[in-house]
N, C-alpha and C. Protein backbone atom coordinates (compact mmCIF):
# COMPACT_ATOMS: atom_id res chain seq x y z
N MET A 1 59.66 -52.43 169.84
CA MET A 1 60.22 -53.15 170.98
C MET A 1 61.27 -52.26 171.67
N ASN A 2 61.11 -52.06 173.00
CA ASN A 2 62.04 -51.21 173.72
C ASN A 2 63.33 -51.96 174.07
N LEU A 3 64.30 -51.24 174.57
CA LEU A 3 65.62 -51.80 174.85
C LEU A 3 65.55 -52.92 175.89
N LYS A 4 64.74 -52.75 176.91
CA LYS A 4 64.62 -53.76 177.96
C LYS A 4 64.11 -55.08 177.37
N SER A 5 63.12 -54.98 176.50
CA SER A 5 62.55 -56.19 175.88
C SER A 5 63.58 -56.89 175.01
N ILE A 6 64.38 -56.08 174.29
CA ILE A 6 65.42 -56.66 173.43
C ILE A 6 66.46 -57.40 174.26
N VAL A 7 66.87 -56.78 175.37
CA VAL A 7 67.86 -57.41 176.26
C VAL A 7 67.33 -58.73 176.80
N ILE A 8 66.08 -58.74 177.23
CA ILE A 8 65.47 -59.97 177.75
C ILE A 8 65.40 -61.05 176.68
N LEU A 9 65.02 -60.65 175.46
CA LEU A 9 64.92 -61.59 174.36
C LEU A 9 66.28 -62.20 174.04
N VAL A 10 67.31 -61.35 173.96
CA VAL A 10 68.66 -61.83 173.67
C VAL A 10 69.14 -62.78 174.76
N ALA A 11 68.87 -62.44 176.02
CA ALA A 11 69.27 -63.29 177.14
C ALA A 11 68.61 -64.65 177.06
N CYS A 12 67.33 -64.67 176.69
CA CYS A 12 66.60 -65.95 176.56
C CYS A 12 67.16 -66.79 175.44
N VAL A 13 67.47 -66.15 174.32
CA VAL A 13 68.04 -66.88 173.18
C VAL A 13 69.39 -67.48 173.54
N LEU A 14 70.24 -66.68 174.20
CA LEU A 14 71.56 -67.17 174.60
C LEU A 14 71.46 -68.32 175.59
N ALA A 15 70.50 -68.22 176.52
CA ALA A 15 70.30 -69.29 177.50
C ALA A 15 69.85 -70.57 176.81
N PHE A 16 68.96 -70.42 175.83
CA PHE A 16 68.49 -71.59 175.07
C PHE A 16 69.64 -72.25 174.32
N ILE A 17 70.48 -71.45 173.70
CA ILE A 17 71.62 -71.98 172.94
C ILE A 17 72.58 -72.70 173.87
N PHE A 18 72.83 -72.11 175.04
CA PHE A 18 73.74 -72.72 176.00
C PHE A 18 73.23 -74.07 176.47
N LEU A 19 71.94 -74.12 176.81
CA LEU A 19 71.36 -75.38 177.29
C LEU A 19 71.36 -76.44 176.20
N ARG A 20 71.11 -76.02 174.98
CA ARG A 20 71.09 -76.98 173.88
C ARG A 20 72.49 -77.53 173.62
N MET A 21 73.49 -76.63 173.68
CA MET A 21 74.87 -77.08 173.49
C MET A 21 75.28 -78.03 174.60
N LYS A 22 74.88 -77.74 175.81
CA LYS A 22 75.20 -78.61 176.93
C LYS A 22 74.57 -79.98 176.75
N HIS A 23 73.31 -79.99 176.29
CA HIS A 23 72.60 -81.25 176.11
C HIS A 23 73.22 -82.09 175.00
N GLU A 24 73.67 -81.43 173.92
CA GLU A 24 74.17 -82.16 172.77
C GLU A 24 75.65 -82.54 172.90
N LYS A 25 76.37 -81.88 173.80
CA LYS A 25 77.79 -82.13 173.96
C LYS A 25 78.01 -83.55 174.49
N ASP A 26 78.85 -84.31 173.81
CA ASP A 26 79.09 -85.70 174.20
C ASP A 26 80.46 -85.90 174.85
N ASP A 27 81.20 -84.82 175.04
CA ASP A 27 82.56 -84.94 175.52
C ASP A 27 82.73 -84.09 176.77
N TRP A 28 82.97 -84.73 177.90
CA TRP A 28 83.15 -83.99 179.14
C TRP A 28 84.20 -84.69 180.00
N PRO A 29 84.76 -84.00 181.00
CA PRO A 29 85.79 -84.62 181.86
C PRO A 29 85.25 -85.83 182.61
N ILE A 30 86.03 -86.88 182.64
CA ILE A 30 85.63 -88.12 183.29
C ILE A 30 86.32 -88.25 184.64
N LYS A 31 85.55 -88.53 185.67
CA LYS A 31 86.10 -88.68 187.00
C LYS A 31 86.91 -89.98 187.09
N ASN A 32 88.03 -89.94 187.76
CA ASN A 32 88.93 -91.08 187.90
C ASN A 32 89.41 -91.60 186.54
N HIS A 33 89.61 -90.66 185.61
CA HIS A 33 90.04 -91.07 184.28
C HIS A 33 91.31 -91.89 184.33
N ARG A 34 91.36 -92.95 183.52
CA ARG A 34 92.53 -93.81 183.43
C ARG A 34 92.87 -94.04 181.96
N SER A 35 94.15 -94.08 181.68
CA SER A 35 94.61 -94.41 180.33
C SER A 35 94.80 -95.91 180.16
N ASN A 36 94.94 -96.61 181.28
CA ASN A 36 95.09 -98.07 181.27
C ASN A 36 94.23 -98.67 182.37
N ILE A 37 93.72 -99.84 182.11
CA ILE A 37 92.94 -100.54 183.12
C ILE A 37 93.52 -101.95 183.34
N HIS A 38 93.44 -102.38 184.60
CA HIS A 38 93.98 -103.69 184.95
C HIS A 38 92.92 -104.60 185.58
N SER A 39 91.82 -103.99 186.02
CA SER A 39 90.73 -104.77 186.59
C SER A 39 89.42 -104.14 186.17
N ALA A 40 88.45 -104.95 185.80
CA ALA A 40 87.22 -104.42 185.21
C ALA A 40 86.01 -105.25 185.62
N VAL A 41 84.87 -104.57 185.78
CA VAL A 41 83.61 -105.22 186.12
C VAL A 41 82.52 -104.72 185.18
N ALA A 42 81.70 -105.64 184.71
CA ALA A 42 80.47 -105.29 183.99
C ALA A 42 79.32 -105.55 184.96
N PHE A 43 78.52 -104.54 185.21
CA PHE A 43 77.52 -104.59 186.28
C PHE A 43 76.17 -104.18 185.72
N GLY A 44 75.14 -104.96 186.00
CA GLY A 44 73.83 -104.57 185.49
C GLY A 44 72.85 -105.72 185.42
N ASP A 45 71.99 -105.63 184.41
CA ASP A 45 70.86 -106.56 184.29
C ASP A 45 71.18 -107.71 183.33
N SER A 46 70.13 -108.27 182.72
CA SER A 46 70.29 -109.44 181.86
C SER A 46 71.12 -109.15 180.61
N LEU A 47 71.16 -107.90 180.18
CA LEU A 47 71.99 -107.56 179.02
C LEU A 47 73.47 -107.63 179.37
N THR A 48 73.80 -107.41 180.62
CA THR A 48 75.17 -107.62 181.08
C THR A 48 75.44 -109.11 181.26
N ARG A 49 74.51 -109.79 181.87
CA ARG A 49 74.69 -111.22 182.12
C ARG A 49 74.85 -111.99 180.81
N GLY A 50 74.17 -111.51 179.76
CA GLY A 50 74.26 -112.16 178.47
C GLY A 50 73.12 -113.10 178.17
N GLU A 51 71.96 -112.82 178.74
CA GLU A 51 70.78 -113.65 178.49
C GLU A 51 70.53 -113.75 176.98
N GLY A 52 70.40 -114.98 176.50
CA GLY A 52 70.16 -115.20 175.07
C GLY A 52 71.41 -115.56 174.29
N SER A 53 72.58 -115.37 174.89
CA SER A 53 73.82 -115.68 174.18
C SER A 53 74.28 -117.10 174.49
N GLN A 54 75.19 -117.59 173.70
CA GLN A 54 75.84 -118.86 174.00
C GLN A 54 76.80 -118.64 175.16
N VAL A 55 77.16 -119.72 175.83
CA VAL A 55 78.08 -119.61 176.97
C VAL A 55 79.40 -118.98 176.52
N GLY A 56 79.83 -117.98 177.27
CA GLY A 56 81.10 -117.33 176.95
C GLY A 56 80.99 -116.27 175.86
N ARG A 57 79.75 -115.86 175.51
CA ARG A 57 79.58 -114.88 174.44
C ARG A 57 78.67 -113.72 174.85
N ALA A 58 78.68 -113.43 176.13
CA ALA A 58 78.04 -112.19 176.58
C ALA A 58 78.98 -111.03 176.21
N TYR A 59 78.47 -109.82 176.23
CA TYR A 59 79.33 -108.73 175.78
C TYR A 59 80.57 -108.55 176.66
N PRO A 60 80.51 -108.81 177.99
CA PRO A 60 81.76 -108.72 178.78
C PRO A 60 82.79 -109.77 178.38
N ASP A 61 82.34 -110.92 177.87
CA ASP A 61 83.29 -111.94 177.40
C ASP A 61 84.06 -111.44 176.18
N TYR A 62 83.34 -110.80 175.28
CA TYR A 62 84.00 -110.24 174.09
C TYR A 62 84.96 -109.11 174.50
N LEU A 63 84.53 -108.27 175.45
CA LEU A 63 85.41 -107.20 175.91
C LEU A 63 86.69 -107.75 176.53
N SER A 64 86.57 -108.86 177.23
CA SER A 64 87.75 -109.47 177.84
C SER A 64 88.80 -109.79 176.78
N LYS A 65 88.33 -110.30 175.65
CA LYS A 65 89.26 -110.63 174.57
C LYS A 65 89.83 -109.37 173.92
N MET A 66 88.99 -108.37 173.76
CA MET A 66 89.43 -107.14 173.11
C MET A 66 90.47 -106.39 173.93
N PHE A 67 90.28 -106.36 175.25
CA PHE A 67 91.20 -105.64 176.12
C PHE A 67 92.35 -106.52 176.64
N GLY A 68 92.19 -107.83 176.51
CA GLY A 68 93.22 -108.72 177.01
C GLY A 68 93.25 -108.81 178.52
N LEU A 69 92.10 -108.60 179.15
CA LEU A 69 91.98 -108.77 180.60
C LEU A 69 90.56 -109.18 180.92
N ARG A 70 90.37 -109.79 182.08
CA ARG A 70 89.06 -110.31 182.41
C ARG A 70 88.11 -109.22 182.88
N PHE A 71 86.94 -109.16 182.25
CA PHE A 71 85.84 -108.34 182.73
C PHE A 71 84.93 -109.23 183.57
N VAL A 72 84.96 -109.04 184.87
CA VAL A 72 84.11 -109.83 185.75
C VAL A 72 82.65 -109.49 185.46
N ASN A 73 81.85 -110.49 185.20
CA ASN A 73 80.46 -110.28 184.83
C ASN A 73 79.57 -110.40 186.06
N LEU A 74 79.06 -109.25 186.52
CA LEU A 74 78.14 -109.22 187.66
C LEU A 74 76.74 -108.80 187.20
N GLY A 75 76.34 -109.32 186.04
CA GLY A 75 75.00 -109.08 185.55
C GLY A 75 74.01 -110.01 186.23
N LYS A 76 72.80 -109.53 186.41
CA LYS A 76 71.75 -110.33 187.06
C LYS A 76 70.43 -110.09 186.35
N ASN A 77 69.78 -111.16 185.95
CA ASN A 77 68.50 -111.03 185.27
C ASN A 77 67.49 -110.29 186.15
N GLY A 78 66.79 -109.36 185.55
CA GLY A 78 65.74 -108.64 186.25
C GLY A 78 66.23 -107.50 187.13
N ASP A 79 67.52 -107.23 187.12
CA ASP A 79 68.07 -106.19 188.00
C ASP A 79 67.51 -104.82 187.64
N THR A 80 67.15 -104.07 188.65
CA THR A 80 66.71 -102.69 188.49
C THR A 80 67.78 -101.78 189.11
N SER A 81 67.62 -100.50 188.94
CA SER A 81 68.57 -99.58 189.56
C SER A 81 68.50 -99.69 191.08
N ALA A 82 67.32 -100.00 191.62
CA ALA A 82 67.16 -100.13 193.07
C ALA A 82 67.83 -101.40 193.59
N SER A 83 67.58 -102.53 192.93
CA SER A 83 68.17 -103.79 193.40
C SER A 83 69.68 -103.79 193.18
N ALA A 84 70.15 -103.08 192.16
CA ALA A 84 71.59 -103.00 191.91
C ALA A 84 72.30 -102.29 193.06
N LYS A 85 71.64 -101.32 193.67
CA LYS A 85 72.24 -100.62 194.82
C LYS A 85 72.57 -101.61 195.93
N GLU A 86 71.72 -102.60 196.11
CA GLU A 86 71.94 -103.59 197.17
C GLU A 86 73.11 -104.52 196.84
N ARG A 87 73.48 -104.61 195.58
CA ARG A 87 74.57 -105.50 195.17
C ARG A 87 75.92 -104.78 195.05
N LEU A 88 75.93 -103.50 195.35
CA LEU A 88 77.16 -102.73 195.21
C LEU A 88 78.35 -103.29 195.99
N PRO A 89 78.15 -103.81 197.22
CA PRO A 89 79.31 -104.33 197.96
C PRO A 89 80.10 -105.39 197.19
N ALA A 90 79.40 -106.19 196.38
CA ALA A 90 80.09 -107.23 195.60
C ALA A 90 81.00 -106.61 194.55
N VAL A 91 80.58 -105.46 194.00
CA VAL A 91 81.39 -104.76 193.01
C VAL A 91 82.57 -104.09 193.70
N LEU A 92 82.29 -103.38 194.77
CA LEU A 92 83.33 -102.63 195.46
C LEU A 92 84.42 -103.54 196.02
N ALA A 93 84.04 -104.75 196.39
CA ALA A 93 85.02 -105.70 196.95
C ALA A 93 86.11 -106.06 195.95
N LEU A 94 85.81 -105.89 194.66
CA LEU A 94 86.79 -106.23 193.62
C LEU A 94 87.73 -105.08 193.30
N THR A 95 87.49 -103.91 193.89
CA THR A 95 88.28 -102.68 193.65
C THR A 95 88.64 -102.52 192.17
N PRO A 96 87.66 -102.47 191.29
CA PRO A 96 87.93 -102.39 189.84
C PRO A 96 88.43 -101.02 189.41
N ASP A 97 89.24 -101.01 188.36
CA ASP A 97 89.65 -99.75 187.73
C ASP A 97 88.49 -99.12 186.97
N ILE A 98 87.65 -99.97 186.39
CA ILE A 98 86.52 -99.49 185.60
C ILE A 98 85.30 -100.38 185.83
N VAL A 99 84.13 -99.75 185.85
CA VAL A 99 82.86 -100.48 185.94
C VAL A 99 81.96 -99.99 184.82
N ILE A 100 81.46 -100.94 184.02
CA ILE A 100 80.52 -100.61 182.95
C ILE A 100 79.13 -101.04 183.40
N ILE A 101 78.18 -100.13 183.30
CA ILE A 101 76.84 -100.35 183.84
C ILE A 101 75.79 -100.37 182.74
N THR A 102 74.95 -101.38 182.77
CA THR A 102 73.72 -101.38 181.95
C THR A 102 72.55 -101.59 182.90
N LEU A 103 71.84 -100.52 183.19
CA LEU A 103 70.68 -100.54 184.06
C LEU A 103 69.65 -99.56 183.53
N GLY A 104 68.41 -99.83 183.83
CA GLY A 104 67.32 -98.91 183.44
C GLY A 104 66.22 -99.57 182.66
N GLY A 105 66.55 -100.63 181.93
CA GLY A 105 65.53 -101.30 181.14
C GLY A 105 64.42 -101.88 181.99
N ASN A 106 64.78 -102.52 183.10
CA ASN A 106 63.76 -103.10 183.98
C ASN A 106 63.02 -102.03 184.77
N ASP A 107 63.68 -100.90 185.01
CA ASP A 107 62.97 -99.78 185.63
C ASP A 107 61.83 -99.32 184.72
N LEU A 108 62.13 -99.25 183.42
CA LEU A 108 61.10 -98.86 182.46
C LEU A 108 59.96 -99.87 182.44
N LEU A 109 60.30 -101.15 182.42
CA LEU A 109 59.28 -102.19 182.36
C LEU A 109 58.39 -102.18 183.60
N ARG A 110 58.97 -101.79 184.73
CA ARG A 110 58.22 -101.76 185.99
C ARG A 110 57.64 -100.38 186.28
N LYS A 111 57.79 -99.49 185.32
CA LYS A 111 57.23 -98.14 185.41
C LYS A 111 57.77 -97.36 186.62
N THR A 112 59.04 -97.57 186.91
CA THR A 112 59.70 -96.77 187.93
C THR A 112 59.84 -95.34 187.39
N SER A 113 59.64 -94.37 188.25
CA SER A 113 59.72 -92.99 187.78
C SER A 113 61.13 -92.65 187.31
N ARG A 114 61.19 -91.74 186.36
CA ARG A 114 62.48 -91.30 185.85
C ARG A 114 63.33 -90.70 186.97
N GLN A 115 62.69 -89.94 187.85
CA GLN A 115 63.42 -89.29 188.94
C GLN A 115 64.05 -90.32 189.87
N LYS A 116 63.32 -91.39 190.17
CA LYS A 116 63.86 -92.41 191.08
C LYS A 116 64.99 -93.18 190.42
N THR A 117 64.83 -93.50 189.14
CA THR A 117 65.89 -94.21 188.43
C THR A 117 67.16 -93.37 188.38
N VAL A 118 67.02 -92.10 188.06
CA VAL A 118 68.18 -91.21 187.99
C VAL A 118 68.85 -91.10 189.36
N ALA A 119 68.05 -90.99 190.41
CA ALA A 119 68.62 -90.89 191.76
C ALA A 119 69.39 -92.15 192.12
N ASN A 120 68.85 -93.31 191.76
CA ASN A 120 69.53 -94.57 192.04
C ASN A 120 70.85 -94.68 191.27
N LEU A 121 70.81 -94.30 190.01
CA LEU A 121 72.03 -94.33 189.20
C LEU A 121 73.08 -93.37 189.76
N GLN A 122 72.64 -92.21 190.16
CA GLN A 122 73.56 -91.24 190.74
C GLN A 122 74.22 -91.81 191.99
N PHE A 123 73.45 -92.48 192.83
CA PHE A 123 74.00 -93.12 194.03
C PHE A 123 75.05 -94.16 193.66
N ILE A 124 74.74 -94.99 192.66
CA ILE A 124 75.66 -96.05 192.22
C ILE A 124 76.94 -95.44 191.65
N PHE A 125 76.79 -94.44 190.79
CA PHE A 125 77.95 -93.78 190.19
C PHE A 125 78.88 -93.26 191.29
N ARG A 126 78.32 -92.54 192.23
CA ARG A 126 79.13 -91.90 193.26
C ARG A 126 79.80 -92.91 194.18
N ALA A 127 79.09 -93.99 194.51
CA ALA A 127 79.68 -95.01 195.38
C ALA A 127 80.89 -95.66 194.72
N LEU A 128 80.79 -95.93 193.43
CA LEU A 128 81.89 -96.54 192.69
C LEU A 128 83.05 -95.57 192.53
N GLN A 129 82.73 -94.33 192.21
CA GLN A 129 83.77 -93.31 192.03
C GLN A 129 84.49 -93.01 193.34
N LYS A 130 83.78 -93.07 194.44
CA LYS A 130 84.39 -92.81 195.74
C LYS A 130 85.53 -93.78 196.02
N GLU A 131 85.39 -95.00 195.49
CA GLU A 131 86.43 -96.02 195.68
C GLU A 131 87.46 -96.03 194.56
N GLY A 132 87.40 -95.00 193.69
CA GLY A 132 88.43 -94.83 192.68
C GLY A 132 88.15 -95.40 191.31
N ALA A 133 86.94 -95.93 191.10
CA ALA A 133 86.63 -96.54 189.80
C ALA A 133 86.25 -95.49 188.77
N MET A 134 86.67 -95.70 187.54
CA MET A 134 86.15 -94.95 186.40
C MET A 134 84.86 -95.67 186.00
N VAL A 135 83.80 -94.92 185.79
CA VAL A 135 82.48 -95.51 185.55
C VAL A 135 82.01 -95.18 184.13
N ALA A 136 81.44 -96.18 183.48
CA ALA A 136 80.85 -96.00 182.16
C ALA A 136 79.41 -96.49 182.20
N TYR A 137 78.53 -95.75 181.54
CA TYR A 137 77.13 -96.16 181.43
C TYR A 137 76.82 -96.48 179.98
N ALA A 138 76.37 -97.70 179.72
CA ALA A 138 76.03 -98.13 178.37
C ALA A 138 74.52 -98.01 178.17
N ALA A 139 74.10 -97.07 177.35
CA ALA A 139 72.69 -96.78 177.15
C ALA A 139 72.09 -97.68 176.08
N ILE A 140 70.96 -98.31 176.39
CA ILE A 140 70.35 -99.22 175.43
C ILE A 140 69.31 -98.53 174.54
N ASP A 141 68.77 -97.38 174.99
CA ASP A 141 67.82 -96.60 174.20
C ASP A 141 66.76 -97.46 173.52
N PRO A 142 65.92 -98.17 174.30
CA PRO A 142 64.90 -99.02 173.69
C PRO A 142 63.89 -98.21 172.89
N PRO A 143 63.26 -98.82 171.90
CA PRO A 143 62.36 -98.08 171.01
C PRO A 143 61.11 -97.53 171.70
N PHE A 144 60.78 -98.04 172.88
CA PHE A 144 59.57 -97.58 173.55
C PHE A 144 59.83 -96.48 174.58
N VAL A 145 61.06 -95.97 174.66
CA VAL A 145 61.38 -94.96 175.66
C VAL A 145 61.36 -93.56 175.03
N ASP A 146 60.95 -92.58 175.83
CA ASP A 146 60.89 -91.21 175.29
C ASP A 146 62.24 -90.52 175.45
N ASP A 147 62.41 -89.44 174.70
CA ASP A 147 63.67 -88.73 174.68
C ASP A 147 64.03 -88.12 176.03
N ASP A 148 63.02 -87.75 176.82
CA ASP A 148 63.29 -87.14 178.13
C ASP A 148 64.02 -88.12 179.05
N TRP A 149 63.65 -89.39 178.96
CA TRP A 149 64.31 -90.42 179.79
C TRP A 149 65.79 -90.52 179.40
N VAL A 150 66.05 -90.62 178.12
CA VAL A 150 67.43 -90.72 177.64
C VAL A 150 68.23 -89.49 178.04
N ALA A 151 67.63 -88.31 177.86
CA ALA A 151 68.33 -87.06 178.17
C ALA A 151 68.63 -86.94 179.65
N ALA A 152 67.71 -87.39 180.51
CA ALA A 152 67.91 -87.29 181.96
C ALA A 152 69.10 -88.12 182.41
N ILE A 153 69.23 -89.32 181.86
CA ILE A 153 70.35 -90.18 182.25
C ILE A 153 71.66 -89.65 181.67
N LYS A 154 71.61 -89.18 180.44
CA LYS A 154 72.82 -88.61 179.83
C LYS A 154 73.30 -87.39 180.61
N ASP A 155 72.36 -86.53 181.01
CA ASP A 155 72.72 -85.35 181.79
C ASP A 155 73.34 -85.75 183.13
N THR A 156 72.82 -86.82 183.73
CA THR A 156 73.38 -87.29 185.00
C THR A 156 74.80 -87.79 184.81
N CYS A 157 75.04 -88.51 183.72
CA CYS A 157 76.39 -88.98 183.41
C CYS A 157 77.34 -87.80 183.25
N ARG A 158 76.89 -86.77 182.54
CA ARG A 158 77.71 -85.58 182.35
C ARG A 158 78.01 -84.92 183.70
N ASP A 159 76.99 -84.75 184.53
CA ASP A 159 77.16 -84.07 185.81
C ASP A 159 78.07 -84.86 186.76
N GLU A 160 78.05 -86.19 186.64
CA GLU A 160 78.83 -87.04 187.55
C GLU A 160 80.17 -87.47 186.97
N GLY A 161 80.49 -87.03 185.77
CA GLY A 161 81.77 -87.40 185.17
C GLY A 161 81.85 -88.87 184.79
N VAL A 162 80.75 -89.39 184.28
CA VAL A 162 80.65 -90.80 183.87
C VAL A 162 80.72 -90.89 182.34
N ILE A 163 81.43 -91.87 181.83
CA ILE A 163 81.47 -92.11 180.39
C ILE A 163 80.08 -92.54 179.93
N TYR A 164 79.57 -91.88 178.90
CA TYR A 164 78.25 -92.22 178.36
C TYR A 164 78.44 -92.87 177.00
N ILE A 165 78.03 -94.13 176.91
CA ILE A 165 78.14 -94.87 175.65
C ILE A 165 76.73 -94.98 175.08
N SER A 166 76.45 -94.23 174.03
CA SER A 166 75.07 -94.10 173.55
C SER A 166 74.66 -95.24 172.63
N ALA A 167 73.39 -95.58 172.74
CA ALA A 167 72.70 -96.46 171.77
C ALA A 167 73.49 -97.72 171.42
N ILE A 168 73.86 -98.48 172.44
CA ILE A 168 74.66 -99.68 172.17
C ILE A 168 73.87 -100.74 171.40
N MET A 169 72.53 -100.61 171.37
CA MET A 169 71.72 -101.60 170.66
C MET A 169 71.09 -101.03 169.39
N GLN A 170 71.62 -99.93 168.91
CA GLN A 170 71.09 -99.36 167.67
C GLN A 170 71.26 -100.35 166.53
N GLY A 171 70.18 -100.60 165.79
CA GLY A 171 70.23 -101.55 164.70
C GLY A 171 70.06 -103.00 165.14
N ILE A 172 70.07 -103.21 166.46
CA ILE A 172 69.87 -104.57 167.00
C ILE A 172 68.42 -104.76 167.41
N TRP A 173 67.84 -103.71 168.02
CA TRP A 173 66.42 -103.78 168.38
C TRP A 173 65.56 -104.21 167.20
N LEU A 174 64.68 -105.15 167.42
CA LEU A 174 63.69 -105.61 166.44
C LEU A 174 64.32 -106.29 165.22
N ASN A 175 65.61 -106.57 165.28
CA ASN A 175 66.31 -107.27 164.18
C ASN A 175 66.37 -108.75 164.53
N SER A 176 65.56 -109.55 163.87
CA SER A 176 65.44 -110.97 164.23
C SER A 176 66.74 -111.75 164.03
N SER A 177 67.65 -111.24 163.21
CA SER A 177 68.91 -111.93 163.00
C SER A 177 69.91 -111.66 164.12
N LEU A 178 69.57 -110.68 164.99
CA LEU A 178 70.48 -110.30 166.08
C LEU A 178 69.85 -110.45 167.46
N MET A 179 68.56 -110.84 167.50
CA MET A 179 67.83 -110.96 168.77
C MET A 179 67.28 -112.37 168.94
N VAL A 180 67.17 -112.80 170.20
CA VAL A 180 66.53 -114.09 170.48
C VAL A 180 65.09 -113.88 170.95
N ASP A 181 64.78 -112.68 171.42
CA ASP A 181 63.41 -112.32 171.79
C ASP A 181 63.28 -110.80 171.64
N ARG A 182 62.27 -110.22 172.23
CA ARG A 182 62.04 -108.77 172.03
C ARG A 182 63.02 -107.91 172.81
N ILE A 183 63.76 -108.50 173.74
CA ILE A 183 64.63 -107.72 174.61
C ILE A 183 66.09 -108.09 174.49
N HIS A 184 66.38 -109.38 174.29
CA HIS A 184 67.75 -109.85 174.40
C HIS A 184 68.39 -110.20 173.05
N PRO A 185 69.64 -109.73 172.86
CA PRO A 185 70.36 -110.09 171.63
C PRO A 185 70.82 -111.54 171.66
N ASN A 186 71.25 -112.02 170.50
CA ASN A 186 71.94 -113.31 170.45
C ASN A 186 73.45 -113.03 170.54
N SER A 187 74.26 -114.07 170.38
CA SER A 187 75.71 -113.91 170.52
C SER A 187 76.26 -112.88 169.53
N LYS A 188 75.72 -112.88 168.32
CA LYS A 188 76.17 -111.91 167.31
C LYS A 188 75.83 -110.48 167.74
N GLY A 189 74.64 -110.32 168.30
CA GLY A 189 74.23 -109.00 168.77
C GLY A 189 75.10 -108.52 169.92
N TYR A 190 75.43 -109.44 170.83
CA TYR A 190 76.29 -109.06 171.96
C TYR A 190 77.69 -108.68 171.49
N LYS A 191 78.15 -109.32 170.45
CA LYS A 191 79.47 -108.96 169.91
C LYS A 191 79.45 -107.54 169.37
N MET A 192 78.36 -107.16 168.72
CA MET A 192 78.23 -105.79 168.22
C MET A 192 78.22 -104.79 169.38
N ILE A 193 77.53 -105.14 170.45
CA ILE A 193 77.51 -104.28 171.63
C ILE A 193 78.93 -104.09 172.17
N ALA A 194 79.65 -105.19 172.29
CA ALA A 194 81.01 -105.15 172.82
C ALA A 194 81.90 -104.26 171.95
N GLU A 195 81.74 -104.36 170.65
CA GLU A 195 82.57 -103.54 169.74
C GLU A 195 82.29 -102.06 169.95
N ARG A 196 81.02 -101.70 170.16
CA ARG A 196 80.67 -100.30 170.38
C ARG A 196 81.20 -99.80 171.72
N VAL A 197 81.08 -100.63 172.74
CA VAL A 197 81.60 -100.25 174.04
C VAL A 197 83.11 -100.10 173.98
N TYR A 198 83.75 -101.03 173.32
CA TYR A 198 85.21 -101.00 173.21
C TYR A 198 85.69 -99.73 172.52
N ARG A 199 85.04 -99.37 171.42
CA ARG A 199 85.46 -98.18 170.67
C ARG A 199 85.35 -96.92 171.53
N GLN A 200 84.24 -96.80 172.28
CA GLN A 200 84.06 -95.61 173.10
C GLN A 200 85.05 -95.57 174.26
N LEU A 201 85.29 -96.72 174.88
CA LEU A 201 86.23 -96.75 175.99
C LEU A 201 87.64 -96.43 175.51
N GLU A 202 88.03 -96.99 174.39
CA GLU A 202 89.35 -96.71 173.85
C GLU A 202 89.50 -95.22 173.54
N LYS A 203 88.47 -94.65 172.94
CA LYS A 203 88.50 -93.22 172.62
C LYS A 203 88.64 -92.37 173.88
N THR A 204 87.87 -92.70 174.89
CA THR A 204 87.90 -91.93 176.13
C THR A 204 89.22 -92.10 176.86
N MET A 205 89.72 -93.31 176.92
CA MET A 205 90.97 -93.57 177.64
C MET A 205 92.15 -92.87 176.98
N LYS A 206 92.11 -92.73 175.67
CA LYS A 206 93.20 -92.07 174.95
C LYS A 206 93.07 -90.55 174.97
N SER A 207 91.91 -90.04 175.35
CA SER A 207 91.65 -88.61 175.27
C SER A 207 92.38 -87.81 176.34
N GLY A 208 92.76 -88.48 177.42
CA GLY A 208 93.46 -87.79 178.49
C GLY A 208 92.55 -87.05 179.44
N LYS A 209 91.23 -87.25 179.31
CA LYS A 209 90.29 -86.54 180.19
C LYS A 209 89.90 -87.42 181.38
């Protein structure tokens, strides 16, 4: 092997390592980072709304108790990333310090392309950040989704400075003691989701990034 080939090989290996480290890195600067929040919105689909839970036991209800402030629940059954874009004015009108988003599950069910879903999420992230909100994305990672889908959304969160809360339903999917159907948790399952979201938000808010 000549010197030119060795240089090319080394460059390829280093590029691969860099990309892998970037993909696996879970800690990046957050846009509009705040150490304290005074107003909060949970925005998204039926998992935000709390479908399947008892009244007052959706995950935003539990978060309200954990943080000691009201998380306005703007979840809507069947919401997609596209339909959520149309509802953004209702979120922006509240001028929240933080917005937690759960979207993408219905895009998958409706076979929306990954590229379109990512573009819609990027639009939503930027619109909220433009008005000063710190944005968090809560990933549900359903068992029927491929790794490329998860990676594409995570990469978008990294690029846009959005908090990425991974696998909020890990151990809940397909667990009959925590689910009311194939998609929606029960009140106990939503409490677990809230605890995971709370831990990540607390960690990020204390990090100073």
